[in-house]
Amino acid sequence: MFFLWKRYRETEAGKLQKNSPYLIASVDRALELLIILGKCPREMGVTELSNLLNVQKSTVHSLLVTLAQRGFVRQTEGSRYTLGLQLIQLGAICSERLDIRTIARPIMLELAEQSQEVALLAMLSKEELMIIEKIEPQRAFVLIPKFDFSITLHSTAIGKVLLANATTSFIEAVLERGLAKYTPQTLTNREAVLEELSAVCRQGYAVGCNETIEGISCIAAPIYDSTGQVAAALSISSSSSSLTLERRQALVNMVCDKASCISQRMGFHKR
């Protein structure tokens, strides 16, 4: 956990304009606390949080008490902390205001039903992958272990689509921060990743097989806005064992078709 947080803070996503006259240190630390608690799958104590933030325990305790008063964190047994219920309400409001999510949801329902696989919608948030919608099929499906996908731009199909269509400076920043190796199939070599991204741009979709989680494969396609820019990506996740060559091509066509439908409803018209 400490290593991952240290790496996050060293990336552009974790940097702030520390010399800005508008930056309030206490607010910055409080927000960092929320981010840490969100990335950690377990409850955390004051000492551990103090070490991660590199600030005094008394300061961390005061911040946690303040956040708890507002419902942004909650204290559990053993004087440990986790995210609070107030964030659920704010998250729901934020999701409702994302027009792309509203437009994409009915099409994602169709995709999940037709493919009988889990459908995901993602966007970029600074240098991180952000899943903003998830639709599960009605039938029993392959359970994907709980995983922080925020830094899997190089190892997931949905991440590759977003990264391949990003600016050169953005791609360079992601490559510079280092590429985590999740499985033996994960691409971590700079040249290999760039070659993969080039292929994604040429073919108009991406595939990831066992690159983030062993036994899980994914297929993704870009979603364009009215200006022709890639605004998000759509994907499905399947068990690798069920992804025969014939079924893989059928699912590629399906995902690309649904992504195109969402793009059209976003106002995109292919020239």
Foldseek 3Di string as FASTA:
>chain_A
DLVVLVLCCPFPNNDDPVPDPPDDVLVNLLVVVLVVLVQDPDWAALVVSCVSVVHDSVSSVVSQVVCVVVQQWHADPPRTIHGGPVVVVVLVVVLVPPVLNVLQVVLLLVLCAVLVFKKWKWFADQLFIDTSDIDHYPDDADDDPDDRRGLCLQAAFQSLQRLLQDDPVSVVSSLVSFHDFQDPPADGDPVVSNVQSVVCVVVQKGKHACRHPHQKIKIKGFAAAQVRGGGIMMMTMHGNVPCDVVSVVVSNVSRHVSSVVSNVVNNHDDD
